[in-house]
Amino acid sequence: MKKCNFSTGTGILILLGTFVVVGILHFISIKTMKLSETKKTHYRKVFWYLYGIIFMIGGGINIIEKGAFHWSFTLQFIIGLITIILNLLGKIETKKNPNY
């Protein structure tokens, strides 16, 4: 039976790092609530482009690196491509709910 190489100090650092990341994300989300709708729409479009590009790059690198067909990497690449195409066509839009 192998012993775990992590100490309590490492676990606490991971926990604190997680708290910092969540705090930063919370701060950013609070700031975006105060932006105008046009800026929010622009940031959403940029987000979806980056999301699709990162998905395509990740899938493409894994396909090239493995040198063989893997359905999961191909699916990842296709999802990234579809995301970019739908964003270009304007089909990915988050509409504000009138109840809020």
PDB file of N, CA and C in Angstrom:
ATOM      1  N   MET A   1       0.833  -1.173   0.000  1.00  0.00           N
ATOM      2  CA  MET A   1       0.000   0.000   0.000  1.00  0.00           C
ATOM      3  C   MET A   1       0.883   1.243   0.000  1.00  0.00           C
ATOM      4  N   LYS A   2       0.640   2.140  -0.986  1.00  0.00           N
ATOM      5  CA  LYS A   2       1.456   3.339  -1.096  1.00  0.00           C
ATOM      6  C   LYS A   2       0.900   4.449  -0.215  1.00  0.00           C
ATOM      7  N   LYS A   3       1.814   5.259   0.287  1.00  0.00           N
ATOM      8  CA  LYS A   3       1.414   6.423   1.065  1.00  0.00           C
ATOM      9  C   LYS A   3       1.196   7.603   0.127  1.00  0.00           C
ATOM     10  N   CYS A   4       0.310   8.455   0.492  1.00  0.00           N
ATOM     11  CA  CYS A   4       0.034   9.664  -0.275  1.00  0.00           C
ATOM     12  C   CYS A   4       1.147  10.680  -0.022  1.00  0.00           C
ATOM     13  N   ASN A   5       1.609  11.326  -1.078  1.00  0.00           N
ATOM     14  CA  ASN A   5       2.694  12.292  -0.940  1.00  0.00           C
ATOM     15  C   ASN A   5       2.219  13.675  -0.516  1.00  0.00           C
ATOM     16  N   PHE A   6       0.907  13.884  -0.458  1.00  0.00           N
ATOM     17  CA  PHE A   6       0.383  15.188  -0.078  1.00  0.00           C
ATOM     18  C   PHE A   6       0.392  15.336   1.436  1.00  0.00           C
ATOM     19  N   SER A   7       0.797  16.515   1.873  1.00  0.00           N
ATOM     20  CA  SER A   7       0.746  16.797   3.303  1.00  0.00           C
ATOM     21  C   SER A   7      -0.443  17.697   3.585  1.00  0.00           C
ATOM     22  N   THR A   8      -0.687  17.964   4.840  1.00  0.00           N
ATOM     23  CA  THR A   8      -1.790  18.839   5.228  1.00  0.00           C
ATOM     24  C   THR A   8      -1.572  20.248   4.692  1.00  0.00           C
ATOM     25  N   GLY A   9      -0.336  20.688   4.648  1.00  0.00           N
ATOM     26  CA  GLY A   9      -0.020  22.015   4.129  1.00  0.00           C
ATOM     27  C   GLY A   9      -0.399  22.159   2.661  1.00  0.00           C
ATOM     28  N   THR A  10      -0.173  21.119   1.887  1.00  0.00           N
ATOM     29  CA  THR A  10      -0.551  21.149   0.467  1.00  0.00           C
ATOM     30  C   THR A  10      -2.057  21.244   0.319  1.00  0.00           C
ATOM     31  N   GLY A  11      -2.790  20.500   1.127  1.00  0.00           N
ATOM     32  CA  GLY A  11      -4.249  20.554   1.078  1.00  0.00           C
ATOM     33  C   GLY A  11      -4.785  21.925   1.432  1.00  0.00           C
ATOM     34  N   ILE A  12      -4.179  22.556   2.425  1.00  0.00           N
ATOM     35  CA  ILE A  12      -4.619  23.900   2.823  1.00  0.00           C
ATOM     36  C   ILE A  12      -4.319  24.905   1.718  1.00  0.00           C
ATOM     37  N   LEU A  13      -3.173  24.760   1.047  1.00  0.00           N
ATOM     38  CA  LEU A  13      -2.842  25.654  -0.062  1.00  0.00           C
ATOM     39  C   LEU A  13      -3.833  25.490  -1.221  1.00  0.00           C
ATOM     40  N   ILE A  14      -4.209  24.268  -1.501  1.00  0.00           N
ATOM     41  CA  ILE A  14      -5.204  24.021  -2.552  1.00  0.00           C
ATOM     42  C   ILE A  14      -6.538  24.650  -2.162  1.00  0.00           C
ATOM     43  N   LEU A  15      -6.934  24.492  -0.907  1.00  0.00           N
ATOM     44  CA  LEU A  15      -8.184  25.071  -0.426  1.00  0.00           C
ATOM     45  C   LEU A  15      -8.156  26.601  -0.525  1.00  0.00           C
ATOM     46  N   LEU A  16      -7.073  27.218  -0.092  1.00  0.00           N
ATOM     47  CA  LEU A  16      -6.958  28.674  -0.158  1.00  0.00           C
ATOM     48  C   LEU A  16      -6.925  29.155  -1.614  1.00  0.00           C
ATOM     49  N   GLY A  17      -6.241  28.420  -2.462  1.00  0.00           N
ATOM     50  CA  GLY A  17      -6.209  28.772  -3.882  1.00  0.00           C
ATOM     51  C   GLY A  17      -7.596  28.720  -4.500  1.00  0.00           C
ATOM     52  N   THR A  18      -8.376  27.714  -4.123  1.00  0.00           N
ATOM     53  CA  THR A  18      -9.748  27.607  -4.610  1.00  0.00           C
ATOM     54  C   THR A  18     -10.586  28.782  -4.125  1.00  0.00           C
ATOM     55  N   PHE A  19     -10.438  29.151  -2.866  1.00  0.00           N
ATOM     56  CA  PHE A  19     -11.172  30.302  -2.329  1.00  0.00           C
ATOM     57  C   PHE A  19     -10.813  31.583  -3.078  1.00  0.00           C
ATOM     58  N   VAL A  20      -9.542  31.775  -3.389  1.00  0.00           N
ATOM     59  CA  VAL A  20      -9.102  32.973  -4.103  1.00  0.00           C
ATOM     60  C   VAL A  20      -9.716  33.004  -5.507  1.00  0.00           C
ATOM     61  N   VAL A  21      -9.674  31.873  -6.213  1.00  0.00           N
ATOM     62  CA  VAL A  21     -10.238  31.817  -7.573  1.00  0.00           C
ATOM     63  C   VAL A  21     -11.736  32.088  -7.550  1.00  0.00           C
ATOM     64  N   VAL A  22     -12.454  31.480  -6.614  1.00  0.00           N
ATOM     65  CA  VAL A  22     -13.898  31.703  -6.511  1.00  0.00           C
ATOM     66  C   VAL A  22     -14.188  33.158  -6.146  1.00  0.00           C
ATOM     67  N   GLY A  23     -13.380  33.738  -5.268  1.00  0.00           N
ATOM     68  CA  GLY A  23     -13.563  35.142  -4.897  1.00  0.00           C
ATOM     69  C   GLY A  23     -13.353  36.068  -6.087  1.00  0.00           C
ATOM     70  N   ILE A  24     -12.344  35.796  -6.892  1.00  0.00           N
ATOM     71  CA  ILE A  24     -12.091  36.615  -8.081  1.00  0.00           C
ATOM     72  C   ILE A  24     -13.240  36.482  -9.068  1.00  0.00           C
ATOM     73  N   LEU A  25     -13.718  35.267  -9.295  1.00  0.00           N
ATOM     74  CA  LEU A  25     -14.853  35.064 -10.203  1.00  0.00           C
ATOM     75  C   LEU A  25     -16.106  35.770  -9.698  1.00  0.00           C
ATOM     76  N   HIS A  26     -16.330  35.731  -8.395  1.00  0.00           N
ATOM     77  CA  HIS A  26     -17.482  36.420  -7.813  1.00  0.00           C
ATOM     78  C   HIS A  26     -17.366  37.932  -8.011  1.00  0.00           C
ATOM     79  N   PHE A  27     -16.183  38.480  -7.784  1.00  0.00           N
ATOM     80  CA  PHE A  27     -15.959  39.912  -7.967  1.00  0.00           C
ATOM     81  C   PHE A  27     -16.215  40.313  -9.423  1.00  0.00           C
ATOM     82  N   ILE A  28     -15.726  39.517 -10.363  1.00  0.00           N
ATOM     83  CA  ILE A  28     -15.938  39.804 -11.784  1.00  0.00           C
ATOM     84  C   ILE A  28     -17.422  39.731 -12.129  1.00  0.00           C
ATOM     85  N   SER A  29     -18.129  38.733 -11.593  1.00  0.00           N
ATOM     86  CA  SER A  29     -19.554  38.617 -11.911  1.00  0.00           C
ATOM     87  C   SER A  29     -20.357  39.780 -11.332  1.00  0.00           C
ATOM     88  N   ILE A  30     -19.971  40.277 -10.170  1.00  0.00           N
ATOM     89  CA  ILE A  30     -20.649  41.442  -9.590  1.00  0.00           C
ATOM     90  C   ILE A  30     -20.407  42.672 -10.458  1.00  0.00           C
ATOM     91  N   LYS A  31     -19.183  42.833 -10.950  1.00  0.00           N
ATOM     92  CA  LYS A  31     -18.862  43.979 -11.802  1.00  0.00           C
ATOM     93  C   LYS A  31     -19.622  43.910 -13.130  1.00  0.00           C
ATOM     94  N   THR A  32     -19.802  42.713 -13.685  1.00  0.00           N
ATOM     95  CA  THR A  32     -20.497  42.601 -14.969  1.00  0.00           C
ATOM     96  C   THR A  32     -21.989  42.883 -14.826  1.00  0.00           C
ATOM     97  N   MET A  33     -22.539  42.733 -13.648  1.00  0.00           N
ATOM     98  CA  MET A  33     -23.957  43.045 -13.456  1.00  0.00           C
ATOM     99  C   MET A  33     -24.224  44.537 -13.637  1.00  0.00           C
ATOM    100  N   LYS A  34     -23.203  45.365 -13.420  1.00  0.00           N
ATOM    101  CA  LYS A  34     -23.368  46.807 -13.521  1.00  0.00           C
ATOM    102  C   LYS A  34     -23.129  47.339 -14.936  1.00  0.00           C
ATOM    103  N   LEU A  35     -22.723  46.467 -15.872  1.00  0.00           N
ATOM    104  CA  LEU A  35     -22.453  46.904 -17.237  1.00  0.00           C
ATOM    105  C   LEU A  35     -23.742  47.065 -18.031  1.00  0.00           C
ATOM    106  N   SER A  36     -23.664  47.823 -19.107  1.00  0.00           N
ATOM    107  CA  SER A  36     -24.823  47.992 -19.981  1.00  0.00           C
ATOM    108  C   SER A  36     -25.057  46.706 -20.776  1.00  0.00           C
ATOM    109  N   GLU A  37     -26.259  46.573 -21.315  1.00  0.00           N
ATOM    110  CA  GLU A  37     -26.609  45.361 -22.067  1.00  0.00           C
ATOM    111  C   GLU A  37     -25.767  45.196 -23.318  1.00  0.00           C
ATOM    112  N   THR A  38     -25.383  46.286 -23.967  1.00  0.00           N
ATOM    113  CA  THR A  38     -24.578  46.166 -25.186  1.00  0.00           C
ATOM    114  C   THR A  38     -23.195  45.609 -24.870  1.00  0.00           C
ATOM    115  N   LYS A  39     -22.604  46.059 -23.771  1.00  0.00           N
ATOM    116  CA  LYS A  39     -21.298  45.522 -23.383  1.00  0.00           C
ATOM    117  C   LYS A  39     -21.406  44.062 -22.962  1.00  0.00           C
ATOM    118  N   LYS A  40     -22.482  43.722 -22.257  1.00  0.00           N
ATOM    119  CA  LYS A  40     -22.679  42.327 -21.863  1.00  0.00           C
ATOM    120  C   LYS A  40     -22.804  41.435 -23.081  1.00  0.00           C
ATOM    121  N   THR A  41     -23.550  41.890 -24.076  1.00  0.00           N
ATOM    122  CA  THR A  41     -23.721  41.115 -25.298  1.00  0.00           C
ATOM    123  C   THR A  41     -22.389  40.938 -26.010  1.00  0.00           C
ATOM    124  N   HIS A  42     -21.600  42.000 -26.049  1.00  0.00           N
ATOM    125  CA  HIS A  42     -20.281  41.924 -26.681  1.00  0.00           C
ATOM    126  C   HIS A  42     -19.387  40.919 -25.945  1.00  0.00           C
ATOM    127  N   TYR A  43     -19.357  40.984 -24.621  1.00  0.00           N
ATOM    128  CA  TYR A  43     -18.531  40.063 -23.838  1.00  0.00           C
ATOM    129  C   TYR A  43     -19.001  38.621 -23.994  1.00  0.00           C
ATOM    130  N   ARG A  44     -20.321  38.407 -24.114  1.00  0.00           N
ATOM    131  CA  ARG A  44     -20.829  37.048 -24.327  1.00  0.00           C
ATOM    132  C   ARG A  44     -20.357  36.503 -25.673  1.00  0.00           C
ATOM    133  N   LYS A  45     -20.400  37.345 -26.704  1.00  0.00           N
ATOM    134  CA  LYS A  45     -19.935  36.913 -28.025  1.00  0.00           C
ATOM    135  C   LYS A  45     -18.466  36.537 -27.980  1.00  0.00           C
ATOM    136  N   VAL A  46     -17.644  37.378 -27.349  1.00  0.00           N
ATOM    137  CA  VAL A  46     -16.214  37.096 -27.231  1.00  0.00           C
ATOM    138  C   VAL A  46     -15.991  35.804 -26.443  1.00  0.00           C
ATOM    139  N   PHE A  47     -16.753  35.612 -25.370  1.00  0.00           N
ATOM    140  CA  PHE A  47     -16.635  34.397 -24.571  1.00  0.00           C
ATOM    141  C   PHE A  47     -16.898  33.158 -25.418  1.00  0.00           C
ATOM    142  N   TRP A  48     -17.976  33.175 -26.207  1.00  0.00           N
ATOM    143  CA  TRP A  48     -18.313  32.003 -27.002  1.00  0.00           C
ATOM    144  C   TRP A  48     -17.287  31.737 -28.088  1.00  0.00           C
ATOM    145  N   TYR A  49     -16.704  32.801 -28.680  1.00  0.00           N
ATOM    146  CA  TYR A  49     -15.626  32.600 -29.648  1.00  0.00           C
ATOM    147  C   TYR A  49     -14.425  31.945 -28.987  1.00  0.00           C
ATOM    148  N   LEU A  50     -14.005  32.467 -27.831  1.00  0.00           N
ATOM    149  CA  LEU A  50     -12.863  31.891 -27.123  1.00  0.00           C
ATOM    150  C   LEU A  50     -13.136  30.458 -26.684  1.00  0.00           C
ATOM    151  N   TYR A  51     -14.353  30.215 -26.225  1.00  0.00           N
ATOM    152  CA  TYR A  51     -14.745  28.869 -25.794  1.00  0.00           C
ATOM    153  C   TYR A  51     -14.617  27.883 -26.959  1.00  0.00           C
ATOM    154  N   GLY A  52     -15.142  28.250 -28.122  1.00  0.00           N
ATOM    155  CA  GLY A  52     -15.070  27.388 -29.293  1.00  0.00           C
ATOM    156  C   GLY A  52     -13.642  27.173 -29.761  1.00  0.00           C
ATOM    157  N   ILE A  53     -12.852  28.243 -29.760  1.00  0.00           N
ATOM    158  CA  ILE A  53     -11.460  28.134 -30.206  1.00  0.00           C
ATOM    159  C   ILE A  53     -10.667  27.234 -29.269  1.00  0.00           C
ATOM    160  N   ILE A  54     -10.846  27.403 -27.959  1.00  0.00           N
ATOM    161  CA  ILE A  54     -10.121  26.564 -26.993  1.00  0.00           C
ATOM    162  C   ILE A  54     -10.532  25.105 -27.139  1.00  0.00           C
ATOM    163  N   PHE A  55     -11.821  24.853 -27.348  1.00  0.00           N
ATOM    164  CA  PHE A  55     -12.286  23.487 -27.553  1.00  0.00           C
ATOM    165  C   PHE A  55     -11.663  22.885 -28.807  1.00  0.00           C
ATOM    166  N   MET A  56     -11.634  23.668 -29.897  1.00  0.00           N
ATOM    167  CA  MET A  56     -11.060  23.169 -31.142  1.00  0.00           C
ATOM    168  C   MET A  56      -9.561  22.907 -31.000  1.00  0.00           C
ATOM    169  N   ILE A  57      -8.855  23.816 -30.356  1.00  0.00           N
ATOM    170  CA  ILE A  57      -7.411  23.637 -30.177  1.00  0.00           C
ATOM    171  C   ILE A  57      -7.128  22.409 -29.317  1.00  0.00           C
ATOM    172  N   GLY A  58      -7.886  22.269 -28.218  1.00  0.00           N
ATOM    173  CA  GLY A  58      -7.685  21.105 -27.345  1.00  0.00           C
ATOM    174  C   GLY A  58      -7.944  19.796 -28.069  1.00  0.00           C
ATOM    175  N   GLY A  59      -9.042  19.732 -28.805  1.00  0.00           N
ATOM    176  CA  GLY A  59      -9.355  18.518 -29.558  1.00  0.00           C
ATOM    177  C   GLY A  59      -8.354  18.264 -30.659  1.00  0.00           C
ATOM    178  N   GLY A  60      -7.965  19.324 -31.388  1.00  0.00           N
ATOM    179  CA  GLY A  60      -7.000  19.170 -32.479  1.00  0.00           C
ATOM    180  C   GLY A  60      -5.639  18.709 -31.991  1.00  0.00           C
ATOM    181  N   ILE A  61      -5.164  19.293 -30.903  1.00  0.00           N
ATOM    182  CA  ILE A  61      -3.862  18.882 -30.358  1.00  0.00           C
ATOM    183  C   ILE A  61      -3.899  17.426 -29.920  1.00  0.00           C
ATOM    184  N   ASN A  62      -4.990  17.013 -29.277  1.00  0.00           N
ATOM    185  CA  ASN A  62      -5.087  15.622 -28.839  1.00  0.00           C
ATOM    186  C   ASN A  62      -5.183  14.662 -30.017  1.00  0.00           C
ATOM    187  N   ILE A  63      -5.882  15.046 -31.078  1.00  0.00           N
ATOM    188  CA  ILE A  63      -5.960  14.191 -32.268  1.00  0.00           C
ATOM    189  C   ILE A  63      -4.572  14.022 -32.879  1.00  0.00           C
ATOM    190  N   ILE A  64      -3.838  15.127 -33.021  1.00  0.00           N
ATOM    191  CA  ILE A  64      -2.497  15.072 -33.619  1.00  0.00           C
ATOM    192  C   ILE A  64      -1.526  14.321 -32.720  1.00  0.00           C
ATOM    193  N   GLU A  65      -1.620  14.570 -31.414  1.00  0.00           N
ATOM    194  CA  GLU A  65      -0.683  13.961 -30.473  1.00  0.00           C
ATOM    195  C   GLU A  65      -0.845  12.441 -30.407  1.00  0.00           C
ATOM    196  N   LYS A  66      -2.083  11.959 -30.422  1.00  0.00           N
ATOM    197  CA  LYS A  66      -2.321  10.523 -30.307  1.00  0.00           C
ATOM    198  C   LYS A  66      -2.015   9.793 -31.610  1.00  0.00           C
ATOM    199  N   GLY A  67      -2.190  10.473 -32.728  1.00  0.00           N
ATOM    200  CA  GLY A  67      -1.867   9.860 -34.015  1.00  0.00           C
ATOM    201  C   GLY A  67      -2.855   8.807 -34.463  1.00  0.00           C
ATOM    202  N   ALA A  68      -3.934   8.640 -33.746  1.00  0.00           N
ATOM    203  CA  ALA A  68      -4.954   7.664 -34.110  1.00  0.00           C
ATOM    204  C   ALA A  68      -6.320   8.284 -33.868  1.00  0.00           C
ATOM    205  N   PHE A  69      -7.346   7.632 -34.403  1.00  0.00           N
ATOM    206  CA  PHE A  69      -8.697   8.156 -34.256  1.00  0.00           C
ATOM    207  C   PHE A  69      -9.214   7.893 -32.848  1.00  0.00           C
ATOM    208  N   HIS A  70      -9.624   8.964 -32.196  1.00  0.00           N
ATOM    209  CA  HIS A  70     -10.293   8.872 -30.903  1.00  0.00           C
ATOM    210  C   HIS A  70     -11.578   9.677 -31.019  1.00  0.00           C
ATOM    211  N   TRP A  71     -12.702   9.036 -30.793  1.00  0.00           N
ATOM    212  CA  TRP A  71     -13.992   9.693 -30.995  1.00  0.00           C
ATOM    213  C   TRP A  71     -14.190  10.874 -30.053  1.00  0.00           C
ATOM    214  N   SER A  72     -13.632  10.796 -28.834  1.00  0.00           N
ATOM    215  CA  SER A  72     -13.848  11.876 -27.871  1.00  0.00           C
ATOM    216  C   SER A  72     -13.146  13.163 -28.309  1.00  0.00           C
ATOM    217  N   PHE A  73     -11.938  13.049 -28.848  1.00  0.00           N
ATOM    218  CA  PHE A  73     -11.220  14.239 -29.294  1.00  0.00           C
ATOM    219  C   PHE A  73     -11.856  14.820 -30.554  1.00  0.00           C
ATOM    220  N   THR A  74     -12.324  13.937 -31.429  1.00  0.00           N
ATOM    221  CA  THR A  74     -13.018  14.396 -32.629  1.00  0.00           C
ATOM    222  C   THR A  74     -14.309  15.112 -32.246  1.00  0.00           C
ATOM    223  N   LEU A  75     -15.041  14.562 -31.291  1.00  0.00           N
ATOM    224  CA  LEU A  75     -16.266  15.197 -30.817  1.00  0.00           C
ATOM    225  C   LEU A  75     -15.970  16.557 -30.192  1.00  0.00           C
ATOM    226  N   GLN A  76     -14.897  16.646 -29.439  1.00  0.00           N
ATOM    227  CA  GLN A  76     -14.504  17.914 -28.828  1.00  0.00           C
ATOM    228  C   GLN A  76     -14.203  18.947 -29.910  1.00  0.00           C
ATOM    229  N   PHE A  77     -13.469  18.553 -30.952  1.00  0.00           N
ATOM    230  CA  PHE A  77     -13.156  19.465 -32.045  1.00  0.00           C
ATOM    231  C   PHE A  77     -14.423  19.914 -32.774  1.00  0.00           C
ATOM    232  N   ILE A  78     -15.336  18.976 -33.024  1.00  0.00           N
ATOM    233  CA  ILE A  78     -16.582  19.296 -33.732  1.00  0.00           C
ATOM    234  C   ILE A  78     -17.459  20.226 -32.903  1.00  0.00           C
ATOM    235  N   ILE A  79     -17.539  20.002 -31.589  1.00  0.00           N
ATOM    236  CA  ILE A  79     -18.333  20.881 -30.720  1.00  0.00           C
ATOM    237  C   ILE A  79     -17.768  22.297 -30.741  1.00  0.00           C
ATOM    238  N   GLY A  80     -16.445  22.434 -30.712  1.00  0.00           N
ATOM    239  CA  GLY A  80     -15.830  23.748 -30.802  1.00  0.00           C
ATOM    240  C   GLY A  80     -16.138  24.426 -32.126  1.00  0.00           C
ATOM    241  N   LEU A  81     -16.077  23.676 -33.215  1.00  0.00           N
ATOM    242  CA  LEU A  81     -16.383  24.220 -34.530  1.00  0.00           C
ATOM    243  C   LEU A  81     -17.843  24.649 -34.633  1.00  0.00           C
ATOM    244  N   ILE A  82     -18.750  23.813 -34.125  1.00  0.00           N
ATOM    245  CA  ILE A  82     -20.178  24.150 -34.141  1.00  0.00           C
ATOM    246  C   ILE A  82     -20.449  25.394 -33.299  1.00  0.00           C
ATOM    247  N   THR A  83     -19.782  25.523 -32.159  1.00  0.00           N
ATOM    248  CA  THR A  83     -19.955  26.693 -31.305  1.00  0.00           C
ATOM    249  C   THR A  83     -19.552  27.967 -32.037  1.00  0.00           C
ATOM    250  N   ILE A  84     -18.431  27.930 -32.742  1.00  0.00           N
ATOM    251  CA  ILE A  84     -17.976  29.108 -33.481  1.00  0.00           C
ATOM    252  C   ILE A  84     -18.937  29.431 -34.618  1.00  0.00           C
ATOM    253  N   ILE A  85     -19.388  28.415 -35.347  1.00  0.00           N
ATOM    254  CA  ILE A  85     -20.311  28.643 -36.461  1.00  0.00           C
ATOM    255  C   ILE A  85     -21.630  29.218 -35.959  1.00  0.00           C
ATOM    256  N   LEU A  86     -22.177  28.649 -34.897  1.00  0.00           N
ATOM    257  CA  LEU A  86     -23.439  29.172 -34.351  1.00  0.00           C
ATOM    258  C   LEU A  86     -23.289  30.604 -33.846  1.00  0.00           C
ATOM    259  N   ASN A  87     -22.135  30.915 -33.281  1.00  0.00           N
ATOM    260  CA  ASN A  87     -21.894  32.281 -32.815  1.00  0.00           C
ATOM    261  C   ASN A  87     -21.797  33.243 -33.998  1.00  0.00           C
ATOM    262  N   LEU A  88     -21.142  32.818 -35.067  1.00  0.00           N
ATOM    263  CA  LEU A  88     -21.062  33.647 -36.271  1.00  0.00           C
ATOM    264  C   LEU A  88     -22.443  33.915 -36.857  1.00  0.00           C
ATOM    265  N   LEU A  89     -23.300  32.902 -36.832  1.00  0.00           N
ATOM    266  CA  LEU A  89     -24.644  33.047 -37.380  1.00  0.00           C
ATOM    267  C   LEU A  89     -25.595  33.777 -36.427  1.00  0.00           C
ATOM    268  N   GLY A  90     -25.158  34.029 -35.212  1.00  0.00           N
ATOM    269  CA  GLY A  90     -25.990  34.739 -34.241  1.00  0.00           C
ATOM    270  C   GLY A  90     -27.012  33.856 -33.552  1.00  0.00           C
ATOM    271  N   LYS A  91     -26.799  32.556 -33.559  1.00  0.00           N
ATOM    272  CA  LYS A  91     -27.752  31.634 -32.933  1.00  0.00           C
ATOM    273  C   LYS A  91     -27.495  31.439 -31.449  1.00  0.00           C
ATOM    274  N   ILE A  92     -26.304  31.807 -30.982  1.00  0.00           N
ATOM    275  CA  ILE A  92     -26.005  31.689 -29.555  1.00  0.00           C
ATOM    276  C   ILE A  92     -26.127  33.076 -28.952  1.00  0.00           C
ATOM    277  N   GLU A  93     -27.255  33.356 -28.374  1.00  0.00           N
ATOM    278  CA  GLU A  93     -27.489  34.635 -27.717  1.00  0.00           C
ATOM    279  C   GLU A  93     -28.218  34.384 -26.409  1.00  0.00           C
ATOM    280  N   THR A  94     -27.756  35.044 -25.381  1.00  0.00           N
ATOM    281  CA  THR A  94     -28.423  34.943 -24.101  1.00  0.00           C
ATOM    282  C   THR A  94     -29.360  36.130 -23.982  1.00  0.00           C
ATOM    283  N   LYS A  95     -30.635  35.859 -23.949  1.00  0.00           N
ATOM    284  CA  LYS A  95     -31.608  36.929 -23.841  1.00  0.00           C
ATOM    285  C   LYS A  95     -31.951  37.140 -22.379  1.00  0.00           C
ATOM    286  N   LYS A  96     -32.143  38.388 -22.020  1.00  0.00           N
ATOM    287  CA  LYS A  96     -32.475  38.711 -20.632  1.00  0.00           C
ATOM    288  C   LYS A  96     -33.913  38.303 -20.350  1.00  0.00           C
ATOM    289  N   ASN A  97     -34.105  37.669 -19.208  1.00  0.00           N
ATOM    290  CA  ASN A  97     -35.433  37.234 -18.793  1.00  0.00           C
ATOM    291  C   ASN A  97     -36.231  38.445 -18.335  1.00  0.00           C
ATOM    292  N   PRO A  98     -37.431  38.662 -18.879  1.00  0.00           N
ATOM    293  CA  PRO A  98     -38.210  39.844 -18.496  1.00  0.00           C
ATOM    294  C   PRO A  98     -38.731  39.799 -17.050  1.00  0.00           C
ATOM    295  N   ASN A  99     -38.639  38.653 -16.396  1.00  0.00           N
ATOM    296  CA  ASN A  99     -39.148  38.529 -15.019  1.00  0.00           C
ATOM    297  C   ASN A  99     -38.181  39.125 -14.001  1.00  0.00           C
ATOM    298  N   TYR A 100     -36.948  39.443 -14.409  1.00  0.00           N
ATOM    299  CA  TYR A 100     -35.979  39.963 -13.448  1.00  0.00           C
ATOM    300  C   TYR A 100     -36.003  41.451 -13.381  1.00  0.00           C
TER     301      TYR A 100
END
